[in-house]
C-alpha atoms as a PDB file:
ATOM      1  CA  MET A   1       9.612 -12.632   3.373  1.00  0.00           C
ATOM      2  CA  TYR A   2       8.554  -8.735   3.786  1.00  0.00           C
ATOM      3  CA  GLU A   3      11.130  -6.441   3.677  1.00  0.00           C
ATOM      4  CA  HIS A   4       9.212  -3.479   4.440  1.00  0.00           C
ATOM      5  CA  ILE A   5       6.145  -3.758   6.764  1.00  0.00           C
ATOM      6  CA  LEU A   6       3.878  -0.150   6.596  1.00  0.00           C
ATOM      7  CA  ILE A   7       2.393  -0.296  10.308  1.00  0.00           C
ATOM      8  CA  ALA A   8      -0.719   1.562  10.648  1.00  0.00           C
ATOM      9  CA  THR A   9      -1.497   3.456  13.720  1.00  0.00           C
ATOM     10  CA  ASP A  10      -4.178   5.924  15.100  1.00  0.00           C
ATOM     11  CA  GLY A  11      -2.291   4.982  19.030  1.00  0.00           C
ATOM     12  CA  SER A  12      -5.282   3.923  20.098  1.00  0.00           C
ATOM     13  CA  ASP A  13      -4.916   0.467  22.536  1.00  0.00           C
ATOM     14  CA  LEU A  14      -5.615  -1.351  19.687  1.00  0.00           C
ATOM     15  CA  ALA A  15      -3.478  -0.070  17.558  1.00  0.00           C
ATOM     16  CA  GLN A  16      -0.635  -0.696  20.192  1.00  0.00           C
ATOM     17  CA  ARG A  17      -1.281  -4.396  19.943  1.00  0.00           C
ATOM     18  CA  ALA A  18      -1.083  -3.814  15.661  1.00  0.00           C
ATOM     19  CA  VAL A  19       2.427  -1.964  16.414  1.00  0.00           C
ATOM     20  CA  GLU A  20       3.575  -4.522  18.829  1.00  0.00           C
ATOM     21  CA  GLN A  21       3.102  -7.463  16.583  1.00  0.00           C
ATOM     22  CA  GLY A  22       4.323  -5.211  13.048  1.00  0.00           C
ATOM     23  CA  LEU A  23       7.694  -4.965  15.120  1.00  0.00           C
ATOM     24  CA  ALA A  24       8.034  -8.509  16.315  1.00  0.00           C
ATOM     25  CA  LEU A  25       7.416  -9.078  12.959  1.00  0.00           C
ATOM     26  CA  ALA A  26       9.887  -7.095  10.843  1.00  0.00           C
ATOM     27  CA  LYS A  27      12.661  -7.727  13.970  1.00  0.00           C
ATOM     28  CA  THR A  28      12.280 -11.145  12.901  1.00  0.00           C
ATOM     29  CA  LEU A  29      12.515 -10.850   9.196  1.00  0.00           C
ATOM     30  CA  LYS A  30      14.900  -8.086   9.736  1.00  0.00           C
ATOM     31  CA  SER A  31      12.391  -5.454   7.242  1.00  0.00           C
ATOM     32  CA  LYS A  32      12.328  -2.726   7.454  1.00  0.00           C
ATOM     33  CA  VAL A  33       9.103  -0.579   9.192  1.00  0.00           C
ATOM     34  CA  THR A  34       7.085   2.284   8.269  1.00  0.00           C
ATOM     35  CA  ALA A  35       5.091   3.958  10.624  1.00  0.00           C
ATOM     36  CA  VAL A  36       2.062   6.212   9.419  1.00  0.00           C
ATOM     37  CA  THR A  37      -1.004   7.893  11.491  1.00  0.00           C
ATOM     38  CA  VAL A  38      -3.151   9.183   9.236  1.00  0.00           C
ATOM     39  CA  THR A  39      -5.205  13.218  10.261  1.00  0.00           C
ATOM     40  CA  GLU A  40      -8.739  13.498   8.484  1.00  0.00           C
ATOM     41  CA  PRO A  41      -9.428  16.400   7.054  1.00  0.00           C
ATOM     42  CA  TRP A  42     -10.541  19.490   9.129  1.00  0.00           C
ATOM     43  CA  THR A  43     -14.194  19.466   7.875  1.00  0.00           C
ATOM     44  CA  ALA A  44     -14.693  16.078   8.306  1.00  0.00           C
ATOM     45  CA  ALA A  45     -13.778  16.080  11.523  1.00  0.00           C
ATOM     46  CA  VAL A  46     -15.186  19.441  12.826  1.00  0.00           C
ATOM     47  CA  SER A  47     -18.150  20.862  11.390  1.00  0.00           C
ATOM     48  CA  GLY A  48     -21.066  23.195  13.075  1.00  0.00           C
ATOM     49  CA  GLU A  49     -20.526  25.255  16.611  1.00  0.00           C
ATOM     50  CA  TRP A  50     -17.224  23.338  16.846  1.00  0.00           C
ATOM     51  CA  ALA A  51     -15.499  24.789  13.571  1.00  0.00           C
ATOM     52  CA  VAL A  52     -16.337  28.478  14.986  1.00  0.00           C
ATOM     53  CA  ALA A  53     -14.479  27.712  18.340  1.00  0.00           C
ATOM     54  CA  PHE A  54     -11.527  25.529  16.577  1.00  0.00           C
ATOM     55  CA  PRO A  55     -10.277  27.173  13.382  1.00  0.00           C
ATOM     56  CA  VAL A  56      -8.458  24.939  11.227  1.00  0.00           C
ATOM     57  CA  GLU A  57      -5.007  25.906  12.528  1.00  0.00           C
ATOM     58  CA  GLU A  58      -5.404  25.089  15.727  1.00  0.00           C
ATOM     59  CA  TYR A  59      -6.792  21.505  14.561  1.00  0.00           C
ATOM     60  CA  GLU A  60      -3.795  21.728  12.627  1.00  0.00           C
ATOM     61  CA  LYS A  61      -1.385  22.261  14.990  1.00  0.00           C
ATOM     62  CA  ALA A  62      -3.250  19.936  17.477  1.00  0.00           C
ATOM     63  CA  ALA A  63      -3.183  16.853  14.696  1.00  0.00           C
ATOM     64  CA  ALA A  64       0.158  17.470  14.261  1.00  0.00           C
ATOM     65  CA  ALA A  65       0.867  17.069  17.652  1.00  0.00           C
ATOM     66  CA  ASN A  66      -0.716  14.277  18.383  1.00  0.00           C
ATOM     67  CA  ALA A  67       0.623  12.527  15.601  1.00  0.00           C
ATOM     68  CA  GLU A  68       4.445  13.345  16.676  1.00  0.00           C
ATOM     69  CA  LYS A  69       3.332  11.678  20.047  1.00  0.00           C
ATOM     70  CA  VAL A  70       1.804   8.740  18.298  1.00  0.00           C
ATOM     71  CA  LEU A  71       4.971   8.224  15.924  1.00  0.00           C
ATOM     72  CA  GLY A  72       7.399   8.798  18.612  1.00  0.00           C
ATOM     73  CA  ALA A  73       6.781   6.181  20.583  1.00  0.00           C
ATOM     74  CA  VAL A  74       6.709   3.850  17.750  1.00  0.00           C
ATOM     75  CA  GLN A  75      10.026   4.778  16.555  1.00  0.00           C
ATOM     76  CA  GLN A  76      11.552   4.432  20.285  1.00  0.00           C
ATOM     77  CA  THR A  77       9.441   1.317  21.068  1.00  0.00           C
ATOM     78  CA  ALA A  78      11.245   0.162  16.657  1.00  0.00           C
ATOM     79  CA  ALA A  79      14.860   1.634  18.550  1.00  0.00           C
ATOM     80  CA  ARG A  80      14.378  -0.611  21.535  1.00  0.00           C
ATOM     81  CA  LEU A  81      13.921  -3.602  19.081  1.00  0.00           C
ATOM     82  CA  GLY A  82      16.826  -2.993  16.544  1.00  0.00           C
ATOM     83  CA  VAL A  83      14.216  -1.838  13.849  1.00  0.00           C
ATOM     84  CA  THR A  84      14.635   0.490  11.165  1.00  0.00           C
ATOM     85  CA  CYS A  85      11.432   2.969  11.645  1.00  0.00           C
ATOM     86  CA  ASP A  86      10.241   5.475   9.267  1.00  0.00           C
ATOM     87  CA  ALA A  87       7.602   7.350  10.291  1.00  0.00           C
ATOM     88  CA  VAL A  88       5.344   9.604   8.417  1.00  0.00           C
ATOM     89  CA  HIS A  89       2.134  11.446   9.653  1.00  0.00           C
ATOM     90  CA  VAL A  90      -0.245  11.875   6.519  1.00  0.00           C
ATOM     91  CA  LYS A  91      -2.622  14.646   6.651  1.00  0.00           C
ATOM     92  CA  ASP A  92      -5.283  15.338   4.837  1.00  0.00           C
ATOM     93  CA  GLN A  93      -7.014  11.890   3.993  1.00  0.00           C
ATOM     94  CA  TYR A  94      -9.109   9.780   5.336  1.00  0.00           C
ATOM     95  CA  ALA A  95      -6.915   6.568   6.854  1.00  0.00           C
ATOM     96  CA  ALA A  96      -7.821   3.577   4.936  1.00  0.00           C
ATOM     97  CA  GLU A  97      -7.281   6.067   1.789  1.00  0.00           C
ATOM     98  CA  GLY A  98      -4.151   7.507   3.928  1.00  0.00           C
ATOM     99  CA  ILE A  99      -2.647   3.820   4.776  1.00  0.00           C
ATOM    100  CA  VAL A 100      -2.875   2.258   1.013  1.00  0.00           C
ATOM    101  CA  GLU A 101      -2.145   5.682  -1.151  1.00  0.00           C
ATOM    102  CA  GLU A 102       1.727   5.580   1.717  1.00  0.00           C
ATOM    103  CA  ALA A 103       2.418   1.845   1.452  1.00  0.00           C
ATOM    104  CA  LYS A 104       2.031   2.217  -2.365  1.00  0.00           C
ATOM    105  CA  ALA A 105       4.482   4.790  -2.220  1.00  0.00           C
ATOM    106  CA  ARG A 106       6.865   3.659  -0.386  1.00  0.00           C
ATOM    107  CA  GLY A 107       6.909  -0.129  -2.464  1.00  0.00           C
ATOM    108  CA  CYS A 108       5.482  -1.545   1.583  1.00  0.00           C
ATOM    109  CA  ASP A 109       4.929  -5.432   0.716  1.00  0.00           C
ATOM    110  CA  LEU A 110       2.610  -5.994   4.321  1.00  0.00           C
ATOM    111  CA  ILE A 111       0.681  -3.452   5.874  1.00  0.00           C
ATOM    112  CA  VAL A 112      -0.438  -4.251   9.529  1.00  0.00           C
ATOM    113  CA  MET A 113      -3.179  -2.399  11.408  1.00  0.00           C
ATOM    114  CA  ALA A 114      -6.103  -3.332  13.852  1.00  0.00           C
ATOM    115  CA  SER A 115      -9.026  -4.675  13.438  1.00  0.00           C
ATOM    116  CA  HIS A 116     -10.925  -1.171  13.675  1.00  0.00           C
ATOM    117  CA  GLY A 117     -10.513   2.096  14.302  1.00  0.00           C
ATOM    118  CA  ARG A 118     -14.444   3.504  14.492  1.00  0.00           C
ATOM    119  CA  ARG A 119     -17.063   2.370  16.889  1.00  0.00           C
ATOM    120  CA  GLY A 120     -21.120   2.901  17.361  1.00  0.00           C
ATOM    121  CA  ILE A 121     -22.622   4.779  14.365  1.00  0.00           C
ATOM    122  CA  ALA A 122     -19.225   5.853  12.544  1.00  0.00           C
ATOM    123  CA  LYS A 123     -18.449   2.550  12.449  1.00  0.00           C
ATOM    124  CA  PHE A 124     -21.803   1.367  10.918  1.00  0.00           C
ATOM    125  CA  ILE A 125     -21.671   4.624   8.354  1.00  0.00           C
ATOM    126  CA  LEU A 126     -18.141   4.717   7.268  1.00  0.00           C
ATOM    127  CA  GLY A 127     -17.350   0.831   7.516  1.00  0.00           C
ATOM    128  CA  SER A 128     -13.812  -0.471   9.090  1.00  0.00           C
ATOM    129  CA  GLN A 129     -10.920   1.111   8.237  1.00  0.00           C
ATOM    130  CA  ALA A 130      -9.743  -2.404   8.230  1.00  0.00           C
ATOM    131  CA  THR A 131     -12.312  -3.271   5.649  1.00  0.00           C
ATOM    132  CA  ARG A 132     -11.264  -0.551   3.353  1.00  0.00           C
ATOM    133  CA  VAL A 133      -7.489  -1.014   3.253  1.00  0.00           C
ATOM    134  CA  LEU A 134      -8.575  -4.708   2.538  1.00  0.00           C
ATOM    135  CA  ALA A 135     -11.023  -3.695  -0.407  1.00  0.00           C
ATOM    136  CA  HIS A 136      -8.521  -1.000  -1.949  1.00  0.00           C
ATOM    137  CA  SER A 137      -4.245  -2.486  -1.160  1.00  0.00           C
ATOM    138  CA  THR A 138      -2.605  -4.501  -3.575  1.00  0.00           C
ATOM    139  CA  VAL A 139      -0.282  -5.895  -0.617  1.00  0.00           C
ATOM    140  CA  PRO A 140      -1.248  -8.412   1.970  1.00  0.00           C
ATOM    141  CA  LEU A 141      -2.823  -7.166   5.193  1.00  0.00           C
ATOM    142  CA  LEU A 142      -1.874  -8.274   8.551  1.00  0.00           C
ATOM    143  CA  ILE A 143      -5.340  -7.515  10.553  1.00  0.00           C
ATOM    144  CA  CYS A 144      -4.370  -7.566  14.519  1.00  0.00           C
ATOM    145  CA  ARG A 145      -7.208  -7.663  16.993  1.00  0.00           C
END
């Protein structure tokens, strides 16, 4: 049914549920998996006084270390389940756009992700990332709660 599943994660507890569901589905279907985490552009993530205290080089280093940790955990779980899993850190993109572009570039036929990645005012202003992926994706989307 699905041969290549993209699992999006930001390392949060809710995203972990999507990782578990996506990997379980991949194991059952004998599908290949690509795990992806997306790092927003530095200018969007840091502004004002923080920009002076947190230079772009430090931001990129911290983002890369976090991505390695998040994706490494997914790959360990996949290996334990016997699922083939590539890991991709998409840099300088907004989450929804990076997820959709990576799914298309890798020929994925299903995207699995958590129901939301933002809270409070950010969710109100920017909208749910899952909603944005749903609006822009040409492949099916499995949203986990």
